N, C-alpha and C. Protein backbone atom coordinates (compact mmCIF):
# COMPACT_ATOMS: atom_id res chain seq x y z
N MET A 1 1.05 -1.32 0.10
CA MET A 1 -0.07 -0.05 0.18
C MET A 1 1.09 1.33 -0.21
N LYS A 2 0.20 2.40 -0.20
CA LYS A 2 1.20 3.28 -0.54
C LYS A 2 0.35 4.56 0.03
N ILE A 3 0.80 5.52 0.81
CA ILE A 3 0.33 6.43 1.56
C ILE A 3 1.16 8.02 1.50
N LYS A 4 0.49 9.24 1.19
CA LYS A 4 1.30 10.48 0.82
C LYS A 4 1.09 10.70 2.03
N THR A 5 2.26 11.47 2.60
CA THR A 5 2.56 11.64 4.47
C THR A 5 3.77 12.54 4.39
N THR A 6 4.23 12.42 5.40
CA THR A 6 5.54 13.38 5.42
C THR A 6 6.04 12.64 6.48
N PHE A 7 7.82 13.47 6.03
CA PHE A 7 8.50 12.48 6.83
C PHE A 7 8.28 12.49 8.39
N GLU A 8 8.12 13.70 8.94
CA GLU A 8 7.70 13.49 10.48
C GLU A 8 6.59 13.19 10.90
N LYS A 9 5.23 12.75 10.12
CA LYS A 9 4.22 11.52 10.51
C LYS A 9 5.12 10.46 10.15
N VAL A 10 5.92 10.24 9.64
CA VAL A 10 6.44 8.77 9.40
C VAL A 10 7.12 8.60 10.81
N ASN A 11 8.13 9.68 11.17
CA ASN A 11 8.95 9.37 12.17
C ASN A 11 7.98 9.18 13.90
N GLU A 12 7.14 9.82 13.68
CA GLU A 12 5.77 10.11 14.53
C GLU A 12 5.20 8.76 14.30
N GLY A 13 4.48 7.86 13.25
CA GLY A 13 4.47 6.66 13.53
C GLY A 13 4.79 5.57 14.13
N LEU A 14 6.48 5.70 13.65
CA LEU A 14 7.03 4.77 14.32
C LEU A 14 7.84 4.73 15.69
N ARG A 15 7.74 5.98 16.32
CA ARG A 15 7.57 6.23 17.36
C ARG A 15 6.26 5.72 18.26
N THR A 16 4.97 5.62 17.51
CA THR A 16 4.17 5.25 18.43
C THR A 16 3.80 4.01 18.33
N ILE A 17 4.71 2.96 17.02
CA ILE A 17 4.44 1.94 17.56
C ILE A 17 5.08 1.02 18.38
N GLN A 18 6.59 2.00 18.94
CA GLN A 18 7.57 1.55 19.68
C GLN A 18 6.69 1.59 20.61
N LYS A 19 5.92 2.38 21.49
CA LYS A 19 5.64 3.20 22.21
C LYS A 19 4.48 1.94 22.71
N ASN A 20 4.45 0.87 21.69
CA ASN A 20 3.26 0.39 22.02
C ASN A 20 3.24 -0.81 21.32
N GLY A 21 4.43 -1.10 22.50
CA GLY A 21 5.02 -2.48 22.10
C GLY A 21 5.40 -3.14 21.09
N GLY A 22 5.38 -2.01 19.62
CA GLY A 22 6.34 -2.79 18.92
C GLY A 22 7.64 -2.30 18.27
N ARG A 23 8.65 -3.17 17.26
CA ARG A 23 9.56 -3.25 16.81
C ARG A 23 9.70 -2.66 15.86
N VAL A 24 11.12 -1.78 15.82
CA VAL A 24 11.22 -0.67 14.46
C VAL A 24 12.63 -1.26 14.27
N ALA A 25 12.59 -1.73 12.84
CA ALA A 25 14.46 -1.46 12.79
C ALA A 25 13.91 -0.62 11.64
N ILE A 26 15.19 0.68 11.42
CA ILE A 26 15.66 1.09 10.11
C ILE A 26 16.56 1.22 9.84
N SER A 27 17.13 1.24 8.16
CA SER A 27 17.80 0.89 7.46
C SER A 27 17.85 1.94 6.27
N GLY A 28 18.64 2.82 6.40
CA GLY A 28 18.29 4.23 5.23
C GLY A 28 16.90 4.70 5.16
N SER A 29 16.04 4.68 4.01
CA SER A 29 15.06 5.45 4.05
C SER A 29 13.94 4.30 4.08
N GLY A 30 14.21 2.90 4.63
CA GLY A 30 13.57 2.00 5.06
C GLY A 30 13.34 1.28 6.53
N GLY A 31 12.81 0.26 6.20
CA GLY A 31 12.58 -0.87 7.35
C GLY A 31 12.09 -1.68 7.64
N SER A 32 11.25 -1.92 8.91
CA SER A 32 10.66 -2.89 9.18
C SER A 32 9.91 -2.83 10.22
N VAL A 33 8.55 -2.87 10.55
CA VAL A 33 7.96 -3.07 12.12
C VAL A 33 7.26 -4.33 12.12
N SER A 34 7.05 -4.49 13.30
CA SER A 34 6.76 -5.56 14.01
C SER A 34 5.82 -5.35 15.23
N ILE A 35 4.46 -5.67 14.93
CA ILE A 35 3.16 -5.08 15.96
C ILE A 35 2.27 -5.73 16.00
N GLN A 36 1.78 -6.58 16.83
CA GLN A 36 1.02 -8.00 17.31
C GLN A 36 0.35 -8.59 16.32
N GLY A 37 1.89 -9.05 16.20
CA GLY A 37 1.52 -10.31 14.85
C GLY A 37 1.71 -10.28 13.47
N VAL A 38 1.83 -8.24 13.29
CA VAL A 38 2.01 -7.86 11.75
C VAL A 38 3.07 -7.65 11.56
N LYS A 39 4.05 -7.93 10.24
CA LYS A 39 5.37 -7.79 10.07
C LYS A 39 4.86 -7.51 8.81
N ALA A 40 5.64 -5.77 8.61
CA ALA A 40 5.71 -5.43 7.38
C ALA A 40 7.22 -4.45 7.09
N ARG A 41 7.35 -4.58 5.95
CA ARG A 41 8.70 -3.36 5.44
C ARG A 41 8.20 -2.56 5.07
N PHE A 42 8.76 -1.04 5.31
CA PHE A 42 8.48 0.12 4.39
C PHE A 42 9.58 0.63 3.81
N HIS A 43 9.25 1.75 2.81
CA HIS A 43 10.29 2.81 2.32
C HIS A 43 9.72 4.08 1.90
N PHE A 44 10.25 5.35 2.86
CA PHE A 44 10.06 6.15 2.92
C PHE A 44 10.69 7.24 1.35
N ASP A 45 9.72 7.57 0.48
CA ASP A 45 10.73 8.47 -0.89
C ASP A 45 10.30 9.71 -0.10
N GLN A 46 11.40 10.79 -0.03
CA GLN A 46 10.98 12.13 0.56
C GLN A 46 11.14 12.86 -0.62
N ASP A 47 11.50 12.14 -1.58
CA ASP A 47 11.04 13.44 -2.98
C ASP A 47 9.73 13.45 -3.52
N THR A 48 9.08 12.50 -3.54
CA THR A 48 7.44 12.09 -3.38
C THR A 48 6.47 12.11 -2.03
N ASP A 49 7.01 12.21 -1.24
CA ASP A 49 6.53 11.99 0.16
C ASP A 49 5.47 10.79 0.47
N ILE A 50 5.81 9.70 -0.50
CA ILE A 50 5.01 8.38 -0.81
C ILE A 50 5.82 7.46 0.63
N LEU A 51 5.06 6.99 1.45
CA LEU A 51 5.25 5.78 1.85
C LEU A 51 5.20 4.58 1.23
N GLN A 52 5.78 3.49 1.29
CA GLN A 52 5.44 2.32 0.59
C GLN A 52 5.70 1.20 1.34
N VAL A 53 4.54 0.66 1.95
CA VAL A 53 3.97 -0.49 3.26
C VAL A 53 3.83 -1.78 2.35
N VAL A 54 4.62 -3.06 2.77
CA VAL A 54 4.51 -3.79 2.29
C VAL A 54 4.06 -5.17 3.32
N ILE A 55 3.17 -5.52 3.49
CA ILE A 55 2.99 -6.49 5.10
C ILE A 55 3.42 -7.97 4.25
N ASP A 56 4.16 -8.43 5.26
CA ASP A 56 4.91 -9.61 4.83
C ASP A 56 4.24 -11.09 5.84
N ASP A 57 3.51 -10.36 6.58
CA ASP A 57 2.97 -11.55 7.74
C ASP A 57 1.95 -10.96 8.81
N LYS A 58 0.67 -11.65 8.94
CA LYS A 58 -0.12 -11.05 9.61
C LYS A 58 -0.91 -12.49 10.32
N PRO A 59 -1.82 -11.87 12.04
CA PRO A 59 -2.69 -13.20 12.09
C PRO A 59 -3.96 -13.07 10.90
N TRP A 60 -4.15 -14.40 11.23
CA TRP A 60 -5.01 -14.77 10.13
C TRP A 60 -6.85 -14.18 10.60
N LEU A 61 -7.06 -13.54 11.62
CA LEU A 61 -7.97 -13.48 12.10
C LEU A 61 -8.21 -11.93 10.98
N ALA A 62 -7.14 -11.26 10.93
CA ALA A 62 -7.03 -9.85 10.80
C ALA A 62 -7.32 -9.37 9.43
N SER A 63 -7.89 -8.88 9.03
CA SER A 63 -8.58 -8.62 6.97
C SER A 63 -7.17 -7.65 7.05
N ASN A 64 -6.98 -7.38 5.79
CA ASN A 64 -6.21 -6.70 4.92
C ASN A 64 -6.27 -5.17 5.18
N ALA A 65 -8.26 -5.48 5.36
CA ALA A 65 -8.55 -3.76 5.17
C ALA A 65 -8.02 -3.16 6.57
N MET A 66 -8.50 -4.54 7.43
CA MET A 66 -8.32 -3.59 9.01
C MET A 66 -7.02 -3.46 8.98
N ILE A 67 -6.12 -4.29 8.52
CA ILE A 67 -4.12 -3.84 8.93
C ILE A 67 -4.51 -2.37 8.31
N GLU A 68 -4.62 -2.27 7.00
CA GLU A 68 -4.32 -0.91 6.11
C GLU A 68 -4.47 -0.05 6.65
N GLU A 69 -6.10 -0.08 7.71
CA GLU A 69 -6.71 1.19 8.51
C GLU A 69 -5.72 1.51 9.33
N LYS A 70 -5.14 0.74 10.10
CA LYS A 70 -4.37 0.92 10.79
C LYS A 70 -3.11 1.75 10.59
N ILE A 71 -2.67 0.61 9.57
CA ILE A 71 -1.45 1.44 8.91
C ILE A 71 -1.49 3.06 8.46
N SER A 72 -2.69 3.29 7.83
CA SER A 72 -3.16 4.92 7.53
C SER A 72 -2.95 5.29 9.28
N GLU A 73 -3.86 5.32 9.93
CA GLU A 73 -3.94 5.68 11.23
C GLU A 73 -2.80 5.95 11.67
N PHE A 74 -1.42 5.14 11.83
CA PHE A 74 -0.31 5.61 12.31
C PHE A 74 0.25 6.56 11.37
N PHE A 75 0.17 6.19 10.10
CA PHE A 75 1.32 7.01 9.40
C PHE A 75 0.63 8.30 8.19
N GLY A 76 -1.04 8.29 8.51
CA GLY A 76 -1.40 8.87 7.43
C GLY A 76 -2.01 10.84 8.05
């Protein structure tokens, strides 16, 4: 999924994930996150202000729509 956002909102979202018990690993302009059984990779393009998130794993009960909504809340 792609989200139009800002660098500040990305950083704020990553801090919120950590405050809620999640794990964040940053590598350059991307990285990975893990929270409540959801594992994802992300890349932020500062030239276009687009955050791209790829969900690698999730609990089977969680729908993609539910996870995408939460991701949008963290970073949108």
